[in-house]
Amino acid sequence: PYVMDPVMIATSGDRLVSDEAVNFLKSKLIPTATVITPNRSEAEVLADMSIDCESDITTAANRILQDLGPQVVIIKGGHIGEDATDYAFTKDGDMHTWTSPKYDTVHTHGTGCTFSAVIT
């Protein structure tokens, strides 16, 4: 399995790559991935939509699955609501969530990359 964390946008909202790089990810890398693990901002770019609530997460994940081709999308949703919730969607239509308390700290840099490495 190929697990990909499409690091494009930092949690702060800062864009980390060019439009050309995003297009390359969408057309060449993501279609070959088994699992992708975007954060909310990255999922917005990949699905070409805004994510403002939980139902938007489902819509975005389904767009990514249908349009870009991975088998599983895990949207790291620690940025919506009071708790930190990750949402996993499969091409077969299954959905799973994992929720834990959200911690107010500045020491979260790299946690998404670590998450992707662990599920590899």
PDB file of N, CA and C in Angstrom:
ATOM      1  N   PRO A   1       0.825  -1.210   0.000  1.00  0.00           N
ATOM      2  CA  PRO A   1       0.000   0.000   0.000  1.00  0.00           C
ATOM      3  C   PRO A   1       0.857   1.257   0.000  1.00  0.00           C
ATOM      4  N   TYR A   2       0.363   2.245  -0.652  1.00  0.00           N
ATOM      5  CA  TYR A   2       1.045   3.534  -0.753  1.00  0.00           C
ATOM      6  C   TYR A   2       0.208   4.564  -0.001  1.00  0.00           C
ATOM      7  N   VAL A   3       0.740   5.069   1.110  1.00  0.00           N
ATOM      8  CA  VAL A   3       0.071   6.085   1.922  1.00  0.00           C
ATOM      9  C   VAL A   3       0.705   7.425   1.607  1.00  0.00           C
ATOM     10  N   MET A   4      -0.128   8.411   1.293  1.00  0.00           N
ATOM     11  CA  MET A   4       0.386   9.724   0.907  1.00  0.00           C
ATOM     12  C   MET A   4      -0.232  10.821   1.756  1.00  0.00           C
ATOM     13  N   ASP A   5       0.610  11.626   2.358  1.00  0.00           N
ATOM     14  CA  ASP A   5       0.160  12.840   3.036  1.00  0.00           C
ATOM     15  C   ASP A   5       0.411  13.984   2.058  1.00  0.00           C
ATOM     16  N   PRO A   6      -0.640  14.521   1.446  1.00  0.00           N
ATOM     17  CA  PRO A   6      -0.444  15.562   0.425  1.00  0.00           C
ATOM     18  C   PRO A   6      -0.147  16.923   1.060  1.00  0.00           C
ATOM     19  N   VAL A   7       1.053  17.074   1.561  1.00  0.00           N
ATOM     20  CA  VAL A   7       1.430  18.301   2.265  1.00  0.00           C
ATOM     21  C   VAL A   7       1.445  19.455   1.270  1.00  0.00           C
ATOM     22  N   MET A   8       0.404  20.269   1.346  1.00  0.00           N
ATOM     23  CA  MET A   8       0.263  21.415   0.439  1.00  0.00           C
ATOM     24  C   MET A   8      -0.012  22.700   1.198  1.00  0.00           C
ATOM     25  N   ILE A   9      -0.728  22.563   2.312  1.00  0.00           N
ATOM     26  CA  ILE A   9      -1.168  23.731   3.059  1.00  0.00           C
ATOM     27  C   ILE A   9      -0.975  23.446   4.538  1.00  0.00           C
ATOM     28  N   ALA A  10      -0.287  24.336   5.220  1.00  0.00           N
ATOM     29  CA  ALA A  10      -0.055  24.179   6.648  1.00  0.00           C
ATOM     30  C   ALA A  10      -1.353  24.408   7.419  1.00  0.00           C
ATOM     31  N   THR A  11      -1.398  23.898   8.637  1.00  0.00           N
ATOM     32  CA  THR A  11      -2.563  24.108   9.494  1.00  0.00           C
ATOM     33  C   THR A  11      -2.851  25.589   9.666  1.00  0.00           C
ATOM     34  N   SER A  12      -1.820  26.405   9.604  1.00  0.00           N
ATOM     35  CA  SER A  12      -1.985  27.859   9.729  1.00  0.00           C
ATOM     36  C   SER A  12      -2.688  28.464   8.525  1.00  0.00           C
ATOM     37  N   GLY A  13      -2.799  27.682   7.436  1.00  0.00           N
ATOM     38  CA  GLY A  13      -3.413  28.182   6.209  1.00  0.00           C
ATOM     39  C   GLY A  13      -2.404  28.612   5.163  1.00  0.00           C
ATOM     40  N   ASP A  14      -1.128  28.612   5.526  1.00  0.00           N
ATOM     41  CA  ASP A  14      -0.089  29.008   4.573  1.00  0.00           C
ATOM     42  C   ASP A  14       0.055  27.953   3.478  1.00  0.00           C
ATOM     43  N   ARG A  15       0.050  28.405   2.229  1.00  0.00           N
ATOM     44  CA  ARG A  15       0.226  27.500   1.092  1.00  0.00           C
ATOM     45  C   ARG A  15       1.711  27.166   0.964  1.00  0.00           C
ATOM     46  N   LEU A  16       2.019  25.889   0.806  1.00  0.00           N
ATOM     47  CA  LEU A  16       3.406  25.431   0.806  1.00  0.00           C
ATOM     48  C   LEU A  16       3.929  25.059  -0.573  1.00  0.00           C
ATOM     49  N   VAL A  17       3.034  24.911  -1.567  1.00  0.00           N
ATOM     50  CA  VAL A  17       3.451  24.487  -2.902  1.00  0.00           C
ATOM     51  C   VAL A  17       2.746  25.323  -3.967  1.00  0.00           C
ATOM     52  N   SER A  18       3.277  25.277  -5.179  1.00  0.00           N
ATOM     53  CA  SER A  18       2.711  26.023  -6.305  1.00  0.00           C
ATOM     54  C   SER A  18       1.470  25.321  -6.866  1.00  0.00           C
ATOM     55  N   ASP A  19       0.710  26.042  -7.686  1.00  0.00           N
ATOM     56  CA  ASP A  19      -0.438  25.441  -8.373  1.00  0.00           C
ATOM     57  C   ASP A  19       0.009  24.280  -9.257  1.00  0.00           C
ATOM     58  N   GLU A  20       1.170  24.423  -9.868  1.00  0.00           N
ATOM     59  CA  GLU A  20       1.712  23.352 -10.715  1.00  0.00           C
ATOM     60  C   GLU A  20       1.946  22.077  -9.897  1.00  0.00           C
ATOM     61  N   ALA A  21       2.467  22.234  -8.693  1.00  0.00           N
ATOM     62  CA  ALA A  21       2.701  21.074  -7.828  1.00  0.00           C
ATOM     63  C   ALA A  21       1.379  20.432  -7.406  1.00  0.00           C
ATOM     64  N   VAL A  22       0.370  21.247  -7.110  1.00  0.00           N
ATOM     65  CA  VAL A  22      -0.953  20.717  -6.754  1.00  0.00           C
ATOM     66  C   VAL A  22      -1.518  19.909  -7.911  1.00  0.00           C
ATOM     67  N   ASN A  23      -1.414  20.437  -9.117  1.00  0.00           N
ATOM     68  CA  ASN A  23      -1.910  19.716 -10.293  1.00  0.00           C
ATOM     69  C   ASN A  23      -1.176  18.391 -10.493  1.00  0.00           C
ATOM     70  N   PHE A  24       0.134  18.383 -10.229  1.00  0.00           N
ATOM     71  CA  PHE A  24       0.910  17.146 -10.336  1.00  0.00           C
ATOM     72  C   PHE A  24       0.438  16.121  -9.304  1.00  0.00           C
ATOM     73  N   LEU A  25       0.229  16.581  -8.070  1.00  0.00           N
ATOM     74  CA  LEU A  25      -0.284  15.684  -7.032  1.00  0.00           C
ATOM     75  C   LEU A  25      -1.612  15.069  -7.455  1.00  0.00           C
ATOM     76  N   LYS A  26      -2.514  15.929  -7.953  1.00  0.00           N
ATOM     77  CA  LYS A  26      -3.857  15.478  -8.316  1.00  0.00           C
ATOM     78  C   LYS A  26      -3.860  14.542  -9.524  1.00  0.00           C
ATOM     79  N   SER A  27      -2.990  14.784 -10.479  1.00  0.00           N
ATOM     80  CA  SER A  27      -3.030  13.990 -11.713  1.00  0.00           C
ATOM     81  C   SER A  27      -2.106  12.777 -11.707  1.00  0.00           C
ATOM     82  N   LYS A  28      -1.024  12.817 -10.952  1.00  0.00           N
ATOM     83  CA  LYS A  28      -0.025  11.741 -11.028  1.00  0.00           C
ATOM     84  C   LYS A  28       0.151  10.948  -9.729  1.00  0.00           C
ATOM     85  N   LEU A  29       0.202  11.624  -8.596  1.00  0.00           N
ATOM     86  CA  LEU A  29       0.529  10.924  -7.349  1.00  0.00           C
ATOM     87  C   LEU A  29      -0.690  10.354  -6.634  1.00  0.00           C
ATOM     88  N   ILE A  30      -1.716  11.171  -6.449  1.00  0.00           N
ATOM     89  CA  ILE A  30      -2.889  10.711  -5.698  1.00  0.00           C
ATOM     90  C   ILE A  30      -3.585   9.530  -6.371  1.00  0.00           C
ATOM     91  N   PRO A  31      -3.721   9.502  -7.700  1.00  0.00           N
ATOM     92  CA  PRO A  31      -4.377   8.338  -8.317  1.00  0.00           C
ATOM     93  C   PRO A  31      -3.669   7.008  -8.053  1.00  0.00           C
ATOM     94  N   THR A  32      -2.399   7.043  -7.706  1.00  0.00           N
ATOM     95  CA  THR A  32      -1.661   5.809  -7.434  1.00  0.00           C
ATOM     96  C   THR A  32      -1.655   5.448  -5.951  1.00  0.00           C
ATOM     97  N   ALA A  33      -2.179   6.332  -5.109  1.00  0.00           N
ATOM     98  CA  ALA A  33      -2.159   6.117  -3.663  1.00  0.00           C
ATOM     99  C   ALA A  33      -3.266   5.167  -3.226  1.00  0.00           C
ATOM    100  N   THR A  34      -2.956   4.375  -2.227  1.00  0.00           N
ATOM    101  CA  THR A  34      -3.973   3.553  -1.588  1.00  0.00           C
ATOM    102  C   THR A  34      -4.749   4.408  -0.595  1.00  0.00           C
ATOM    103  N   VAL A  35      -4.019   5.175   0.209  1.00  0.00           N
ATOM    104  CA  VAL A  35      -4.605   6.032   1.245  1.00  0.00           C
ATOM    105  C   VAL A  35      -3.997   7.419   1.123  1.00  0.00           C
ATOM    106  N   ILE A  36      -4.835   8.461   1.219  1.00  0.00           N
ATOM    107  CA  ILE A  36      -4.305   9.820   1.342  1.00  0.00           C
ATOM    108  C   ILE A  36      -4.839  10.420   2.635  1.00  0.00           C
ATOM    109  N   THR A  37      -4.049  11.320   3.230  1.00  0.00           N
ATOM    110  CA  THR A  37      -4.381  11.866   4.545  1.00  0.00           C
ATOM    111  C   THR A  37      -4.310  13.394   4.560  1.00  0.00           C
ATOM    112  N   PRO A  38      -5.166  14.066   3.809  1.00  0.00           N
ATOM    113  CA  PRO A  38      -5.125  15.529   3.811  1.00  0.00           C
ATOM    114  C   PRO A  38      -5.702  16.121   5.093  1.00  0.00           C
ATOM    115  N   ASN A  39      -5.204  17.307   5.469  1.00  0.00           N
ATOM    116  CA  ASN A  39      -5.891  18.061   6.509  1.00  0.00           C
ATOM    117  C   ASN A  39      -7.078  18.765   5.854  1.00  0.00           C
ATOM    118  N   ARG A  40      -7.844  19.489   6.630  1.00  0.00           N
ATOM    119  CA  ARG A  40      -9.048  20.112   6.078  1.00  0.00           C
ATOM    120  C   ARG A  40      -8.722  21.050   4.927  1.00  0.00           C
ATOM    121  N   SER A  41      -7.719  21.892   5.078  1.00  0.00           N
ATOM    122  CA  SER A  41      -7.362  22.850   4.027  1.00  0.00           C
ATOM    123  C   SER A  41      -6.918  22.141   2.754  1.00  0.00           C
ATOM    124  N   GLU A  42      -6.161  21.066   2.902  1.00  0.00           N
ATOM    125  CA  GLU A  42      -5.721  20.299   1.731  1.00  0.00           C
ATOM    126  C   GLU A  42      -6.902  19.602   1.062  1.00  0.00           C
ATOM    127  N   ALA A  43      -7.829  19.086   1.860  1.00  0.00           N
ATOM    128  CA  ALA A  43      -9.029  18.453   1.299  1.00  0.00           C
ATOM    129  C   ALA A  43      -9.865  19.465   0.525  1.00  0.00           C
ATOM    130  N   GLU A  44      -9.913  20.708   1.004  1.00  0.00           N
ATOM    131  CA  GLU A  44     -10.639  21.753   0.276  1.00  0.00           C
ATOM    132  C   GLU A  44     -10.041  21.964  -1.110  1.00  0.00           C
ATOM    133  N   VAL A  45      -8.721  21.993  -1.192  1.00  0.00           N
ATOM    134  CA  VAL A  45      -8.050  22.177  -2.483  1.00  0.00           C
ATOM    135  C   VAL A  45      -8.287  20.964  -3.384  1.00  0.00           C
ATOM    136  N   LEU A  46      -8.147  19.775  -2.835  1.00  0.00           N
ATOM    137  CA  LEU A  46      -8.298  18.558  -3.637  1.00  0.00           C
ATOM    138  C   LEU A  46      -9.726  18.375  -4.144  1.00  0.00           C
ATOM    139  N   ALA A  47     -10.711  18.759  -3.325  1.00  0.00           N
ATOM    140  CA  ALA A  47     -12.119  18.596  -3.708  1.00  0.00           C
ATOM    141  C   ALA A  47     -12.678  19.833  -4.396  1.00  0.00           C
ATOM    142  N   ASP A  48     -11.897  20.898  -4.430  1.00  0.00           N
ATOM    143  CA  ASP A  48     -12.319  22.159  -5.039  1.00  0.00           C
ATOM    144  C   ASP A  48     -13.616  22.669  -4.409  1.00  0.00           C
ATOM    145  N   MET A  49     -13.603  22.739  -3.064  1.00  0.00           N
ATOM    146  CA  MET A  49     -14.773  23.230  -2.341  1.00  0.00           C
ATOM    147  C   MET A  49     -14.356  23.683  -0.948  1.00  0.00           C
ATOM    148  N   SER A  50     -15.216  24.429  -0.312  1.00  0.00           N
ATOM    149  CA  SER A  50     -14.998  24.869   1.059  1.00  0.00           C
ATOM    150  C   SER A  50     -15.552  23.822   2.019  1.00  0.00           C
ATOM    151  N   ILE A  51     -14.858  23.603   3.125  1.00  0.00           N
ATOM    152  CA  ILE A  51     -15.340  22.692   4.165  1.00  0.00           C
ATOM    153  C   ILE A  51     -15.617  23.526   5.407  1.00  0.00           C
ATOM    154  N   ASP A  52     -16.903  23.662   5.720  1.00  0.00           N
ATOM    155  CA  ASP A  52     -17.317  24.485   6.853  1.00  0.00           C
ATOM    156  C   ASP A  52     -18.007  23.689   7.950  1.00  0.00           C
ATOM    157  N   CYS A  53     -18.388  22.444   7.675  1.00  0.00           N
ATOM    158  CA  CYS A  53     -19.104  21.629   8.654  1.00  0.00           C
ATOM    159  C   CYS A  53     -18.846  20.152   8.346  1.00  0.00           C
ATOM    160  N   GLU A  54     -19.354  19.277   9.217  1.00  0.00           N
ATOM    161  CA  GLU A  54     -19.100  17.847   9.039  1.00  0.00           C
ATOM    162  C   GLU A  54     -19.665  17.288   7.740  1.00  0.00           C
ATOM    163  N   SER A  55     -20.828  17.760   7.311  1.00  0.00           N
ATOM    164  CA  SER A  55     -21.385  17.224   6.057  1.00  0.00           C
ATOM    165  C   SER A  55     -20.514  17.597   4.862  1.00  0.00           C
ATOM    166  N   ASP A  56     -19.836  18.748   4.942  1.00  0.00           N
ATOM    167  CA  ASP A  56     -18.903  19.129   3.880  1.00  0.00           C
ATOM    168  C   ASP A  56     -17.720  18.167   3.816  1.00  0.00           C
ATOM    169  N   ILE A  57     -17.319  17.627   4.961  1.00  0.00           N
ATOM    170  CA  ILE A  57     -16.212  16.669   4.985  1.00  0.00           C
ATOM    171  C   ILE A  57     -16.582  15.431   4.171  1.00  0.00           C
ATOM    172  N   THR A  58     -17.809  14.953   4.352  1.00  0.00           N
ATOM    173  CA  THR A  58     -18.275  13.788   3.597  1.00  0.00           C
ATOM    174  C   THR A  58     -18.304  14.079   2.102  1.00  0.00           C
ATOM    175  N   THR A  59     -18.837  15.240   1.740  1.00  0.00           N
ATOM    176  CA  THR A  59     -18.905  15.619   0.327  1.00  0.00           C
ATOM    177  C   THR A  59     -17.510  15.712  -0.279  1.00  0.00           C
ATOM    178  N   ALA A  60     -16.593  16.359   0.438  1.00  0.00           N
ATOM    179  CA  ALA A  60     -15.222  16.510  -0.061  1.00  0.00           C
ATOM    180  C   ALA A  60     -14.551  15.152  -0.232  1.00  0.00           C
ATOM    181  N   ALA A  61     -14.695  14.288   0.755  1.00  0.00           N
ATOM    182  CA  ALA A  61     -14.073  12.964   0.665  1.00  0.00           C
ATOM    183  C   ALA A  61     -14.609  12.186  -0.530  1.00  0.00           C
ATOM    184  N   ASN A  62     -15.908  12.238  -0.737  1.00  0.00           N
ATOM    185  CA  ASN A  62     -16.490  11.521  -1.878  1.00  0.00           C
ATOM    186  C   ASN A  62     -16.010  12.085  -3.208  1.00  0.00           C
ATOM    187  N   ARG A  63     -15.855  13.392  -3.290  1.00  0.00           N
ATOM    188  CA  ARG A  63     -15.314  13.989  -4.521  1.00  0.00           C
ATOM    189  C   ARG A  63     -13.890  13.515  -4.770  1.00  0.00           C
ATOM    190  N   ILE A  64     -13.083  13.510  -3.709  1.00  0.00           N
ATOM    191  CA  ILE A  64     -11.688  13.083  -3.843  1.00  0.00           C
ATOM    192  C   ILE A  64     -11.626  11.618  -4.277  1.00  0.00           C
ATOM    193  N   LEU A  65     -12.430  10.772  -3.638  1.00  0.00           N
ATOM    194  CA  LEU A  65     -12.451   9.347  -3.996  1.00  0.00           C
ATOM    195  C   LEU A  65     -12.852   9.147  -5.451  1.00  0.00           C
ATOM    196  N   GLN A  66     -13.890   9.834  -5.890  1.00  0.00           N
ATOM    197  CA  GLN A  66     -14.399   9.655  -7.249  1.00  0.00           C
ATOM    198  C   GLN A  66     -13.512  10.305  -8.300  1.00  0.00           C
ATOM    199  N   ASP A  67     -13.040  11.513  -8.021  1.00  0.00           N
ATOM    200  CA  ASP A  67     -12.319  12.276  -9.039  1.00  0.00           C
ATOM    201  C   ASP A  67     -10.825  11.970  -9.111  1.00  0.00           C
ATOM    202  N   LEU A  68     -10.219  11.623  -7.969  1.00  0.00           N
ATOM    203  CA  LEU A  68      -8.761  11.482  -7.944  1.00  0.00           C
ATOM    204  C   LEU A  68      -8.276  10.048  -7.795  1.00  0.00           C
ATOM    205  N   GLY A  69      -9.111   9.134  -7.302  1.00  0.00           N
ATOM    206  CA  GLY A  69      -8.796   7.730  -7.371  1.00  0.00           C
ATOM    207  C   GLY A  69      -8.150   6.988  -6.223  1.00  0.00           C
ATOM    208  N   PRO A  70      -7.896   7.595  -5.054  1.00  0.00           N
ATOM    209  CA  PRO A  70      -7.353   6.759  -3.983  1.00  0.00           C
ATOM    210  C   PRO A  70      -8.425   5.784  -3.489  1.00  0.00           C
ATOM    211  N   GLN A  71      -8.013   4.772  -2.749  1.00  0.00           N
ATOM    212  CA  GLN A  71      -8.967   3.809  -2.188  1.00  0.00           C
ATOM    213  C   GLN A  71      -9.567   4.301  -0.872  1.00  0.00           C
ATOM    214  N   VAL A  72      -8.789   5.088  -0.131  1.00  0.00           N
ATOM    215  CA  VAL A  72      -9.213   5.591   1.179  1.00  0.00           C
ATOM    216  C   VAL A  72      -8.770   7.042   1.313  1.00  0.00           C
ATOM    217  N   VAL A  73      -9.661   7.866   1.878  1.00  0.00           N
ATOM    218  CA  VAL A  73      -9.324   9.251   2.213  1.00  0.00           C
ATOM    219  C   VAL A  73      -9.533   9.414   3.712  1.00  0.00           C
ATOM    220  N   ILE A  74      -8.504   9.852   4.410  1.00  0.00           N
ATOM    221  CA  ILE A  74      -8.635  10.168   5.831  1.00  0.00           C
ATOM    222  C   ILE A  74      -8.423  11.669   5.968  1.00  0.00           C
ATOM    223  N   ILE A  75      -9.509  12.376   6.259  1.00  0.00           N
ATOM    224  CA  ILE A  75      -9.420  13.824   6.442  1.00  0.00           C
ATOM    225  C   ILE A  75      -9.200  14.088   7.919  1.00  0.00           C
ATOM    226  N   LYS A  76      -8.052  14.681   8.182  1.00  0.00           N
ATOM    227  CA  LYS A  76      -7.699  14.994   9.559  1.00  0.00           C
ATOM    228  C   LYS A  76      -8.489  16.238   9.947  1.00  0.00           C
ATOM    229  N   GLY A  77      -9.518  16.041  10.762  1.00  0.00           N
ATOM    230  CA  GLY A  77     -10.472  17.112  11.051  1.00  0.00           C
ATOM    231  C   GLY A  77     -10.293  17.775  12.383  1.00  0.00           C
ATOM    232  N   GLY A  78      -9.102  17.860  12.865  1.00  0.00           N
ATOM    233  CA  GLY A  78      -8.878  18.506  14.146  1.00  0.00           C
ATOM    234  C   GLY A  78      -9.167  19.989  14.146  1.00  0.00           C
ATOM    235  N   HIS A  79      -9.566  20.533  13.011  1.00  0.00           N
ATOM    236  CA  HIS A  79      -9.766  21.975  12.905  1.00  0.00           C
ATOM    237  C   HIS A  79     -11.235  22.371  12.938  1.00  0.00           C
ATOM    238  N   ILE A  80     -12.149  21.416  13.121  1.00  0.00           N
ATOM    239  CA  ILE A  80     -13.584  21.703  13.176  1.00  0.00           C
ATOM    240  C   ILE A  80     -14.107  21.202  14.518  1.00  0.00           C
ATOM    241  N   GLY A  81     -14.825  22.055  15.233  1.00  0.00           N
ATOM    242  CA  GLY A  81     -15.444  21.631  16.481  1.00  0.00           C
ATOM    243  C   GLY A  81     -14.505  21.675  17.668  1.00  0.00           C
ATOM    244  N   GLU A  82     -15.047  21.231  18.812  1.00  0.00           N
ATOM    245  CA  GLU A  82     -14.291  21.286  20.060  1.00  0.00           C
ATOM    246  C   GLU A  82     -13.335  20.117  20.227  1.00  0.00           C
ATOM    247  N   ASP A  83     -13.658  18.975  19.632  1.00  0.00           N
ATOM    248  CA  ASP A  83     -12.794  17.802  19.705  1.00  0.00           C
ATOM    249  C   ASP A  83     -11.998  17.666  18.411  1.00  0.00           C
ATOM    250  N   ALA A  84     -10.999  16.808  18.445  1.00  0.00           N
ATOM    251  CA  ALA A  84     -10.231  16.490  17.239  1.00  0.00           C
ATOM    252  C   ALA A  84     -10.801  15.200  16.664  1.00  0.00           C
ATOM    253  N   THR A  85     -11.334  15.277  15.456  1.00  0.00           N
ATOM    254  CA  THR A  85     -11.937  14.107  14.823  1.00  0.00           C
ATOM    255  C   THR A  85     -11.295  13.872  13.467  1.00  0.00           C
ATOM    256  N   ASP A  86     -10.881  12.636  13.240  1.00  0.00           N
ATOM    257  CA  ASP A  86     -10.389  12.220  11.931  1.00  0.00           C
ATOM    258  C   ASP A  86     -11.490  11.399  11.274  1.00  0.00           C
ATOM    259  N   TYR A  87     -11.652  11.590   9.971  1.00  0.00           N
ATOM    260  CA  TYR A  87     -12.728  10.958   9.214  1.00  0.00           C
ATOM    261  C   TYR A  87     -12.122  10.104   8.110  1.00  0.00           C
ATOM    262  N   ALA A  88     -12.437   8.812   8.100  1.00  0.00           N
ATOM    263  CA  ALA A  88     -11.938   7.912   7.058  1.00  0.00           C
ATOM    264  C   ALA A  88     -13.095   7.475   6.172  1.00  0.00           C
ATOM    265  N   PHE A  89     -12.890   7.578   4.870  1.00  0.00           N
ATOM    266  CA  PHE A  89     -13.890   7.188   3.876  1.00  0.00           C
ATOM    267  C   PHE A  89     -13.233   6.230   2.892  1.00  0.00           C
ATOM    268  N   THR A  90     -13.948   5.174   2.531  1.00  0.00           N
ATOM    269  CA  THR A  90     -13.414   4.220   1.563  1.00  0.00           C
ATOM    270  C   THR A  90     -14.192   4.307   0.259  1.00  0.00           C
ATOM    271  N   LYS A  91     -13.567   3.814  -0.786  1.00  0.00           N
ATOM    272  CA  LYS A  91     -14.214   3.781  -2.095  1.00  0.00           C
ATOM    273  C   LYS A  91     -15.455   2.889  -2.079  1.00  0.00           C
ATOM    274  N   ASP A  92     -15.503   1.949  -1.137  1.00  0.00           N
ATOM    275  CA  ASP A  92     -16.655   1.054  -1.003  1.00  0.00           C
ATOM    276  C   ASP A  92     -17.829   1.701  -0.272  1.00  0.00           C
ATOM    277  N   GLY A  93     -17.651   2.927   0.211  1.00  0.00           N
ATOM    278  CA  GLY A  93     -18.732   3.633   0.883  1.00  0.00           C
ATOM    279  C   GLY A  93     -18.713   3.562   2.396  1.00  0.00           C
ATOM    280  N   ASP A  94     -17.699   2.936   2.970  1.00  0.00           N
ATOM    281  CA  ASP A  94     -17.601   2.880   4.429  1.00  0.00           C
ATOM    282  C   ASP A  94     -17.064   4.196   4.976  1.00  0.00           C
ATOM    283  N   MET A  95     -17.475   4.529   6.197  1.00  0.00           N
ATOM    284  CA  MET A  95     -16.975   5.724   6.872  1.00  0.00           C
ATOM    285  C   MET A  95     -16.702   5.377   8.331  1.00  0.00           C
ATOM    286  N   HIS A  96     -15.589   5.853   8.843  1.00  0.00           N
ATOM    287  CA  HIS A  96     -15.223   5.654  10.242  1.00  0.00           C
ATOM    288  C   HIS A  96     -14.723   6.985  10.786  1.00  0.00           C
ATOM    289  N   THR A  97     -14.969   7.225  12.071  1.00  0.00           N
ATOM    290  CA  THR A  97     -14.444   8.434  12.705  1.00  0.00           C
ATOM    291  C   THR A  97     -13.713   8.057  13.982  1.00  0.00           C
ATOM    292  N   TRP A  98     -12.729   8.860  14.331  1.00  0.00           N
ATOM    293  CA  TRP A  98     -12.002   8.730  15.583  1.00  0.00           C
ATOM    294  C   TRP A  98     -11.968  10.108  16.220  1.00  0.00           C
ATOM    295  N   THR A  99     -12.444  10.204  17.442  1.00  0.00           N
ATOM    296  CA  THR A  99     -12.520  11.492  18.128  1.00  0.00           C
ATOM    297  C   THR A  99     -11.739  11.428  19.429  1.00  0.00           C
ATOM    298  N   SER A 100     -11.030  12.504  19.711  1.00  0.00           N
ATOM    299  CA  SER A 100     -10.301  12.628  20.969  1.00  0.00           C
ATOM    300  C   SER A 100     -10.314  14.095  21.380  1.00  0.00           C
ATOM    301  N   PRO A 101      -9.975  14.376  22.627  1.00  0.00           N
ATOM    302  CA  PRO A 101      -9.943  15.777  23.055  1.00  0.00           C
ATOM    303  C   PRO A 101      -8.915  16.561  22.242  1.00  0.00           C
ATOM    304  N   LYS A 102      -9.240  17.798  21.964  1.00  0.00           N
ATOM    305  CA  LYS A 102      -8.308  18.684  21.267  1.00  0.00           C
ATOM    306  C   LYS A 102      -7.463  19.393  22.327  1.00  0.00           C
ATOM    307  N   TYR A 103      -6.169  19.425  22.123  1.00  0.00           N
ATOM    308  CA  TYR A 103      -5.264  20.068  23.067  1.00  0.00           C
ATOM    309  C   TYR A 103      -4.818  21.406  22.507  1.00  0.00           C
ATOM    310  N   ASP A 104      -4.900  22.426  23.332  1.00  0.00           N
ATOM    311  CA  ASP A 104      -4.496  23.767  22.936  1.00  0.00           C
ATOM    312  C   ASP A 104      -2.992  23.898  23.160  1.00  0.00           C
ATOM    313  N   THR A 105      -2.228  23.728  22.086  1.00  0.00           N
ATOM    314  CA  THR A 105      -0.774  23.786  22.179  1.00  0.00           C
ATOM    315  C   THR A 105      -0.202  24.263  20.849  1.00  0.00           C
ATOM    316  N   VAL A 106       0.977  24.816  20.903  1.00  0.00           N
ATOM    317  CA  VAL A 106       1.655  25.229  19.673  1.00  0.00           C
ATOM    318  C   VAL A 106       2.588  24.122  19.171  1.00  0.00           C
ATOM    319  N   HIS A 107       2.649  23.017  19.882  1.00  0.00           N
ATOM    320  CA  HIS A 107       3.580  21.936  19.561  1.00  0.00           C
ATOM    321  C   HIS A 107       2.910  20.843  18.723  1.00  0.00           C
ATOM    322  N   THR A 108       2.278  21.235  17.619  1.00  0.00           N
ATOM    323  CA  THR A 108       1.596  20.255  16.774  1.00  0.00           C
ATOM    324  C   THR A 108       2.227  20.133  15.391  1.00  0.00           C
ATOM    325  N   HIS A 109       3.286  20.868  15.131  1.00  0.00           N
ATOM    326  CA  HIS A 109       3.931  20.812  13.819  1.00  0.00           C
ATOM    327  C   HIS A 109       4.422  19.394  13.538  1.00  0.00           C
ATOM    328  N   GLY A 110       4.021  18.848  12.394  1.00  0.00           N
ATOM    329  CA  GLY A 110       4.477  17.522  11.995  1.00  0.00           C
ATOM    330  C   GLY A 110       3.602  16.376  12.453  1.00  0.00           C
ATOM    331  N   THR A 111       2.520  16.664  13.178  1.00  0.00           N
ATOM    332  CA  THR A 111       1.683  15.569  13.662  1.00  0.00           C
ATOM    333  C   THR A 111       0.969  14.850  12.525  1.00  0.00           C
ATOM    334  N   GLY A 112       0.585  15.563  11.476  1.00  0.00           N
ATOM    335  CA  GLY A 112      -0.072  14.924  10.332  1.00  0.00           C
ATOM    336  C   GLY A 112       0.865  13.988   9.598  1.00  0.00           C
ATOM    337  N   CYS A 113       2.109  14.405   9.457  1.00  0.00           N
ATOM    338  CA  CYS A 113       3.111  13.552   8.799  1.00  0.00           C
ATOM    339  C   CYS A 113       3.375  12.304   9.635  1.00  0.00           C
ATOM    340  N   THR A 114       3.430  12.479  10.946  1.00  0.00           N
ATOM    341  CA  THR A 114       3.629  11.341  11.841  1.00  0.00           C
ATOM    342  C   THR A 114       2.457  10.376  11.736  1.00  0.00           C
ATOM    343  N   PHE A 115       1.245  10.914  11.693  1.00  0.00           N
ATOM    344  CA  PHE A 115       0.044  10.093  11.550  1.00  0.00           C
ATOM    345  C   PHE A 115       0.135   9.243  10.283  1.00  0.00           C
ATOM    346  N   SER A 116       0.487   9.850   9.172  1.00  0.00           N
ATOM    347  CA  SER A 116       0.604   9.112   7.907  1.00  0.00           C
ATOM    348  C   SER A 116       1.674   8.035   7.985  1.00  0.00           C
ATOM    349  N   ALA A 117       2.777   8.345   8.638  1.00  0.00           N
ATOM    350  CA  ALA A 117       3.856   7.365   8.769  1.00  0.00           C
ATOM    351  C   ALA A 117       3.413   6.166   9.601  1.00  0.00           C
ATOM    352  N   VAL A 118       2.639   6.417  10.634  1.00  0.00           N
ATOM    353  CA  VAL A 118       2.191   5.336  11.511  1.00  0.00           C
ATOM    354  C   VAL A 118       1.270   4.365  10.776  1.00  0.00           C
ATOM    355  N   ILE A 119       0.385   4.874   9.904  1.00  0.00           N
ATOM    356  CA  ILE A 119      -0.534   3.962   9.221  1.00  0.00           C
ATOM    357  C   ILE A 119       0.114   3.267   8.027  1.00  0.00           C
ATOM    358  N   THR A 120       1.330   3.655   7.705  1.00  0.00           N
ATOM    359  CA  THR A 120       2.063   2.977   6.643  1.00  0.00           C
ATOM    360  C   THR A 120       2.501   1.645   7.170  1.00  0.00           C
TER     361      THR A 120
END
